Amino acid sequence: MFSGTEDPLSSVVTLLKPAISISKRVEAGGQWRVERNDMASPFYCAMVEGVCRVEVTGRKPVRLTAGDFVLIPDLYDFSMTSEVPPEPREPGQPLEIEPGRVRLGPTDAPVEVRALVGHCRFDTPASGLLVSLLPEMIHVTGHDRLMALLPVIHEETRADRSGRELILQRLLEVLLIEALRSSPSVNMPPGLLRGLSDPQLAAALQRIHADAGVEISVAGLAKDAGMSRSGFFEKFRKEIGRAPMEYVTDWRMAIAKTLLRQGKLTNTEIALQVGYGSASAFGMAFVRHEGLSPGAFAGKQRRKRGSKGVA
């Protein structure tokens, strides 16, 4: 399941297992502000018409115009306002015009902004680790394929049709991959996308993600990259943000956590899938990385799923 020819970006997005939680058509006019400080979830917005500002805590405001798309993989506090924000006060409550469609700002003001916004979740126990490989914010301008995907996702969330959940998961996977690979590489922070923009590091990343069960060494990765061992090590750490074997271990543990949560394989089988020769070697590595044994982790995941009524 987690080996083969998938490229690094596809393998990360697939393992994230994105699922829709909210999808809305937003219309706004006049001066308006909407704030959220409890949304621990990925957020996306596609501007269809008009201009607005999005501000995430700790970052400069981003001005969005028609044709812009923004994706924030790990959102907490943020505000979305008219281009000229209203005076600081309690933000107005969105008015739900109909299911999945809301109005912001004075109702007597003409509609100046139309956008498609949504929140999703990553249904994997390794979401924190995987999200750490991605940029904090992705802002893409003039990408027709991205803009075309959003209405389809919104329509699917409103319909009660067979296969809805699977279709939404696949659409979100496509959306994430399109957004991530379309993100400008200029000034990209250290992480997976910055590494993939470098042909030498991309070759090494391809090897890591192609099969987590094979033997991997810094020397072997350096050879794939066509570099000296020391030069590769320093470049990888600078561009990716962690040492090569640290990255390898993080990726293997992300897969292991997913397999443990599924509960279909023994520890020995999981060990072989993620590059360890025995269950004991895997167990010791897992404890060092996660602070608890594979069995304890699997039990914790079962209790979480049980409390949510998941079989």
Protein backbone atom coordinates (compact mmCIF):
# COMPACT_ATOMS: atom_id res chain seq x y z
CA MET A 1 0.00 0.00 0.00
CA PHE A 2 2.80 2.39 0.84
CA SER A 3 5.38 1.29 -1.68
CA GLY A 4 5.58 1.63 -5.41
CA THR A 5 6.08 4.48 -7.84
CA GLU A 6 4.18 7.30 -6.12
CA ASP A 7 6.11 10.55 -6.14
CA PRO A 8 6.87 12.20 -2.77
CA LEU A 9 4.14 14.85 -3.02
CA SER A 10 1.45 12.32 -3.96
CA SER A 11 2.50 9.93 -1.20
CA VAL A 12 2.30 12.64 1.47
CA VAL A 13 -1.12 13.87 0.32
CA THR A 14 -2.46 10.30 0.07
CA LEU A 15 -1.28 9.51 3.59
CA LEU A 16 -2.93 12.70 4.91
CA LYS A 17 -6.37 11.35 3.87
CA PRO A 18 -8.10 14.74 3.49
CA ALA A 19 -11.83 14.90 4.20
CA ILE A 20 -14.27 17.84 3.93
CA SER A 21 -15.76 19.31 7.09
CA ILE A 22 -17.15 22.65 5.80
CA SER A 23 -17.71 24.03 2.28
CA LYS A 24 -19.45 27.35 1.69
CA ARG A 25 -20.20 29.93 -0.98
CA VAL A 26 -19.49 33.33 0.54
CA GLU A 27 -21.00 36.62 -0.65
CA ALA A 28 -19.99 39.91 0.94
CA GLY A 29 -20.55 43.64 0.57
CA GLY A 30 -19.68 46.83 2.41
CA GLN A 31 -17.26 46.63 5.33
CA TRP A 32 -17.13 43.24 7.02
CA ARG A 33 -15.00 40.97 9.10
CA VAL A 34 -15.22 37.31 10.06
CA GLU A 35 -12.85 35.78 12.60
CA ARG A 36 -12.11 32.30 13.85
CA ASN A 37 -9.80 31.40 16.72
CA ASP A 38 -10.70 27.78 17.26
CA MET A 39 -10.40 26.28 13.79
CA ALA A 40 -7.62 23.73 14.13
CA SER A 41 -8.03 22.56 10.55
CA PRO A 42 -6.78 23.12 7.00
CA PHE A 43 -8.44 26.08 5.26
CA TYR A 44 -8.78 27.04 1.62
CA CYS A 45 -10.34 29.97 -0.23
CA ALA A 46 -10.88 30.60 -3.93
CA MET A 47 -11.79 34.16 -4.94
CA VAL A 48 -14.39 34.26 -7.69
CA GLU A 49 -15.04 38.01 -7.67
CA GLY A 50 -13.87 41.10 -5.78
CA VAL A 51 -11.10 41.73 -3.25
CA CYS A 52 -10.61 40.71 0.38
CA ARG A 53 -7.87 40.30 2.98
CA VAL A 54 -6.91 37.17 4.86
CA GLU A 55 -4.78 37.49 7.97
CA VAL A 56 -3.34 34.57 9.90
CA THR A 57 -1.95 35.22 13.37
CA GLY A 58 1.74 35.97 13.15
CA ARG A 59 1.75 36.66 9.40
CA LYS A 60 1.25 39.74 7.25
CA PRO A 61 -2.22 40.12 5.70
CA VAL A 62 -2.64 38.63 2.23
CA ARG A 63 -4.69 40.51 -0.36
CA LEU A 64 -6.81 38.18 -2.49
CA THR A 65 -8.32 39.17 -5.82
CA ALA A 66 -10.45 37.31 -8.36
CA GLY A 67 -8.65 34.17 -9.52
CA ASP A 68 -6.56 33.83 -6.36
CA PHE A 69 -6.42 30.64 -4.33
CA VAL A 70 -5.01 30.32 -0.81
CA LEU A 71 -4.40 27.15 1.17
CA ILE A 72 -3.34 27.03 4.82
CA PRO A 73 -2.59 23.40 5.80
CA ASP A 74 -2.62 24.04 9.56
CA LEU A 75 -4.93 26.91 10.46
CA TYR A 76 -5.78 28.16 13.95
CA ASP A 77 -6.47 31.90 14.38
CA PHE A 78 -7.37 33.94 11.31
CA SER A 79 -9.55 36.77 10.07
CA MET A 80 -11.05 37.50 6.68
CA THR A 81 -12.14 41.09 5.96
CA SER A 82 -13.21 43.52 3.29
CA GLU A 83 -10.33 45.34 1.59
CA VAL A 84 -10.97 48.26 3.95
CA PRO A 85 -11.72 46.53 7.27
CA PRO A 86 -14.37 47.90 9.61
CA GLU A 87 -13.38 49.51 12.89
CA PRO A 88 -12.23 47.00 15.52
CA ARG A 89 -15.26 45.60 17.30
CA GLU A 90 -17.10 42.35 17.64
CA PRO A 91 -17.18 40.81 14.17
CA GLY A 92 -20.59 40.46 12.58
CA GLN A 93 -22.11 37.00 12.33
CA PRO A 94 -22.44 35.48 8.87
CA LEU A 95 -26.01 35.30 7.63
CA GLU A 96 -26.88 31.90 6.17
CA ILE A 97 -28.96 32.58 3.07
CA GLU A 98 -29.42 28.90 2.31
CA PRO A 99 -27.51 25.70 3.17
CA GLY A 100 -23.90 26.18 2.10
CA ARG A 101 -24.31 29.87 1.19
CA VAL A 102 -23.59 32.78 3.56
CA ARG A 103 -23.67 36.57 3.42
CA LEU A 104 -21.15 38.86 5.13
CA GLY A 105 -21.48 42.59 5.74
CA PRO A 106 -24.54 44.87 5.75
CA THR A 107 -27.40 43.17 3.93
CA ASP A 108 -28.33 46.42 2.18
CA ALA A 109 -24.85 46.78 0.63
CA PRO A 110 -24.33 45.47 -2.92
CA VAL A 111 -22.45 42.18 -3.24
CA GLU A 112 -18.83 42.94 -4.12
CA VAL A 113 -17.11 39.71 -3.14
CA ARG A 114 -17.86 36.11 -4.06
CA ALA A 115 -15.67 33.26 -2.88
CA LEU A 116 -15.65 29.53 -2.23
CA VAL A 117 -14.20 28.64 1.16
CA GLY A 118 -13.79 25.41 3.02
CA HIS A 119 -12.26 23.62 5.94
CA CYS A 120 -11.15 20.02 5.84
CA ARG A 121 -9.46 17.57 8.17
CA PHE A 122 -6.57 15.18 7.74
CA ASP A 123 -7.74 11.77 8.86
CA THR A 124 -4.35 10.34 9.79
CA PRO A 125 -2.61 9.98 13.15
CA ALA A 126 0.54 11.39 11.53
CA SER A 127 -1.04 14.66 10.37
CA GLY A 128 1.19 16.86 12.55
CA LEU A 129 4.36 15.36 11.14
CA LEU A 130 3.18 15.45 7.52
CA VAL A 131 1.89 19.02 7.74
CA SER A 132 5.30 20.08 9.08
CA LEU A 133 6.72 19.17 5.64
CA LEU A 134 4.43 21.69 3.91
CA PRO A 135 4.53 25.51 3.73
CA GLU A 136 2.49 27.44 6.31
CA MET A 137 0.56 29.18 3.54
CA ILE A 138 0.21 28.62 -0.20
CA HIS A 139 -0.99 31.51 -2.37
CA VAL A 140 -1.57 30.79 -6.06
CA THR A 141 -2.74 33.31 -8.65
CA GLY A 142 -4.49 32.65 -11.95
CA HIS A 143 -4.67 28.87 -11.79
CA ASP A 144 -7.77 27.84 -13.75
CA ARG A 145 -7.57 24.14 -12.80
CA LEU A 146 -7.68 24.97 -9.09
CA MET A 147 -10.58 27.37 -9.56
CA ALA A 148 -12.49 24.73 -11.54
CA LEU A 149 -12.14 22.14 -8.77
CA LEU A 150 -13.79 24.19 -6.02
CA PRO A 151 -17.34 24.34 -7.47
CA VAL A 152 -17.24 20.57 -8.01
CA ILE A 153 -16.19 19.99 -4.39
CA HIS A 154 -18.87 22.37 -3.14
CA GLU A 155 -21.56 20.68 -5.22
CA GLU A 156 -20.53 17.24 -3.99
CA THR A 157 -20.71 18.33 -0.34
CA ARG A 158 -24.30 19.46 -0.86
CA ALA A 159 -25.43 16.25 -2.58
CA ASP A 160 -26.38 13.00 -0.86
CA ARG A 161 -25.20 10.56 -3.48
CA SER A 162 -23.54 7.15 -3.44
CA GLY A 163 -19.75 7.28 -3.19
CA ARG A 164 -19.80 10.86 -1.87
CA GLU A 165 -17.05 10.42 0.75
CA LEU A 166 -14.66 8.66 -1.63
CA ILE A 167 -15.23 11.22 -4.38
CA LEU A 168 -14.63 14.10 -1.96
CA GLN A 169 -11.43 12.50 -0.69
CA ARG A 170 -10.11 12.10 -4.23
CA LEU A 171 -11.14 15.64 -5.20
CA LEU A 172 -9.39 17.04 -2.13
CA GLU A 173 -6.27 15.03 -2.91
CA VAL A 174 -6.23 16.53 -6.40
CA LEU A 175 -6.87 20.00 -4.97
CA LEU A 176 -3.99 19.71 -2.50
CA ILE A 177 -1.55 18.35 -5.08
CA GLU A 178 -2.49 21.06 -7.60
CA ALA A 179 -2.09 23.78 -4.97
CA LEU A 180 1.20 22.45 -3.64
CA ARG A 181 2.87 21.88 -6.99
CA SER A 182 1.64 25.25 -8.30
CA SER A 183 3.08 27.16 -5.36
CA PRO A 184 5.91 29.51 -6.40
CA SER A 185 9.30 28.07 -5.45
CA VAL A 186 10.77 31.52 -4.87
CA ASN A 187 11.36 32.16 -1.15
CA MET A 188 9.86 28.76 -0.30
CA PRO A 189 10.59 27.84 3.35
CA PRO A 190 12.59 24.66 4.07
CA GLY A 191 10.45 21.60 3.52
CA LEU A 192 9.26 19.05 1.00
CA LEU A 193 8.31 21.52 -1.77
CA ARG A 194 11.63 23.31 -1.57
CA GLY A 195 13.41 19.98 -1.78
CA LEU A 196 11.36 18.86 -4.77
CA SER A 197 12.25 22.06 -6.63
CA ASP A 198 15.91 20.95 -6.56
CA PRO A 199 16.60 18.16 -9.10
CA GLN A 200 19.34 16.58 -6.97
CA LEU A 201 17.28 16.45 -3.79
CA ALA A 202 14.18 15.43 -5.74
CA ALA A 203 15.98 12.25 -6.84
CA ALA A 204 16.79 11.39 -3.22
CA LEU A 205 13.27 12.18 -2.04
CA GLN A 206 11.88 9.96 -4.78
CA ARG A 207 13.92 7.05 -3.45
CA ILE A 208 12.79 7.64 0.14
CA HIS A 209 9.12 7.76 -0.77
CA ALA A 210 9.14 5.01 -3.40
CA ASP A 211 9.45 2.22 -0.83
CA ALA A 212 9.86 2.77 2.91
CA GLY A 213 10.82 -0.88 3.40
CA VAL A 214 14.11 -0.85 1.47
CA GLU A 215 17.49 -0.17 3.03
CA ILE A 216 18.34 3.53 2.88
CA SER A 217 21.60 5.24 3.77
CA VAL A 218 23.00 8.75 3.41
CA ALA A 219 25.64 7.38 1.07
CA GLY A 220 23.00 5.78 -1.16
CA LEU A 221 20.88 8.92 -1.23
CA ALA A 222 23.94 11.04 -2.04
CA LYS A 223 24.69 8.72 -4.95
CA ASP A 224 21.12 9.14 -6.26
CA ALA A 225 21.60 12.90 -6.01
CA GLY A 226 24.97 12.77 -7.78
CA MET A 227 26.70 14.48 -4.86
CA SER A 228 29.36 13.80 -2.27
CA ARG A 229 28.06 12.42 1.03
CA SER A 230 28.97 15.55 3.02
CA GLY A 231 27.68 17.95 0.36
CA PHE A 232 24.41 16.07 0.10
CA PHE A 233 23.96 15.94 3.88
CA GLU A 234 24.37 19.69 4.29
CA LYS A 235 22.21 20.57 1.31
CA PHE A 236 19.41 18.22 2.38
CA ARG A 237 19.40 19.59 5.92
CA LYS A 238 19.35 23.18 4.67
CA GLU A 239 16.64 22.74 2.04
CA ILE A 240 14.39 20.19 3.79
CA GLY A 241 14.85 21.42 7.35
CA ARG A 242 16.02 18.14 8.86
CA ALA A 243 18.88 15.66 8.37
CA PRO A 244 18.41 12.94 5.73
CA MET A 245 18.02 9.97 8.07
CA GLU A 246 15.83 12.01 10.41
CA TYR A 247 13.54 12.62 7.45
CA VAL A 248 13.62 8.92 6.55
CA THR A 249 12.67 7.94 10.10
CA ASP A 250 9.90 10.54 10.25
CA TRP A 251 8.42 9.24 6.99
CA ARG A 252 8.64 5.61 8.10
CA MET A 253 6.95 6.41 11.41
CA ALA A 254 4.15 8.29 9.64
CA ILE A 255 3.43 5.15 7.62
CA ALA A 256 3.77 2.93 10.70
CA LYS A 257 1.28 5.03 12.68
CA THR A 258 -1.23 4.75 9.84
CA LEU A 259 -0.79 0.97 9.64
CA LEU A 260 -1.07 0.59 13.43
CA ARG A 261 -4.27 2.60 13.40
CA GLN A 262 -5.73 0.35 10.70
CA GLY A 263 -4.96 -2.69 12.87
CA LYS A 264 -4.73 -5.16 9.99
CA LEU A 265 -1.03 -6.11 10.22
CA THR A 266 1.19 -7.57 12.92
CA ASN A 267 4.13 -5.59 14.27
CA THR A 268 6.47 -7.87 12.33
CA GLU A 269 4.64 -7.16 9.08
CA ILE A 270 4.65 -3.42 9.77
CA ALA A 271 8.35 -3.55 10.65
CA LEU A 272 9.19 -5.02 7.25
CA GLN A 273 7.04 -2.44 5.45
CA VAL A 274 8.88 0.45 7.08
CA GLY A 275 12.46 -0.79 6.85
CA TYR A 276 13.12 -2.65 10.12
CA GLY A 277 14.34 -6.25 10.22
CA SER A 278 12.28 -7.32 13.23
CA ALA A 279 9.36 -6.34 15.43
CA SER A 280 11.75 -5.64 18.32
CA ALA A 281 13.92 -3.27 16.24
CA PHE A 282 10.80 -1.51 15.02
CA GLY A 283 9.39 -1.32 18.54
CA MET A 284 12.53 0.31 19.94
CA ALA A 285 12.63 2.83 17.08
CA PHE A 286 8.94 3.61 17.54
CA VAL A 287 9.36 4.22 21.29
CA ARG A 288 12.30 6.56 20.64
CA HIS A 289 10.28 8.51 18.09
CA GLU A 290 6.81 8.54 19.67
CA GLY A 291 7.44 8.01 23.38
CA LEU A 292 5.23 4.92 23.61
CA SER A 293 5.22 1.39 22.24
CA PRO A 294 3.45 0.37 19.01
CA GLY A 295 0.93 -1.63 21.05
CA ALA A 296 0.15 1.31 23.33
CA PHE A 297 -0.22 3.61 20.33
CA ALA A 298 -2.57 1.17 18.56
CA GLY A 299 -4.67 0.83 21.72
CA LYS A 300 -4.90 4.61 22.07
CA GLN A 301 -6.09 4.89 18.46
CA ARG A 302 -8.73 2.18 19.00
CA ARG A 303 -10.10 4.04 22.01
CA LYS A 304 -10.24 7.30 20.04
CA ARG A 305 -12.09 5.66 17.19
CA GLY A 306 -14.43 3.89 19.59
CA SER A 307 -15.31 7.15 21.34
CA LYS A 308 -16.33 8.57 17.94
CA GLY A 309 -18.43 5.55 17.09
CA VAL A 310 -16.06 4.37 14.36
CA ALA A 311 -15.86 0.66 13.81
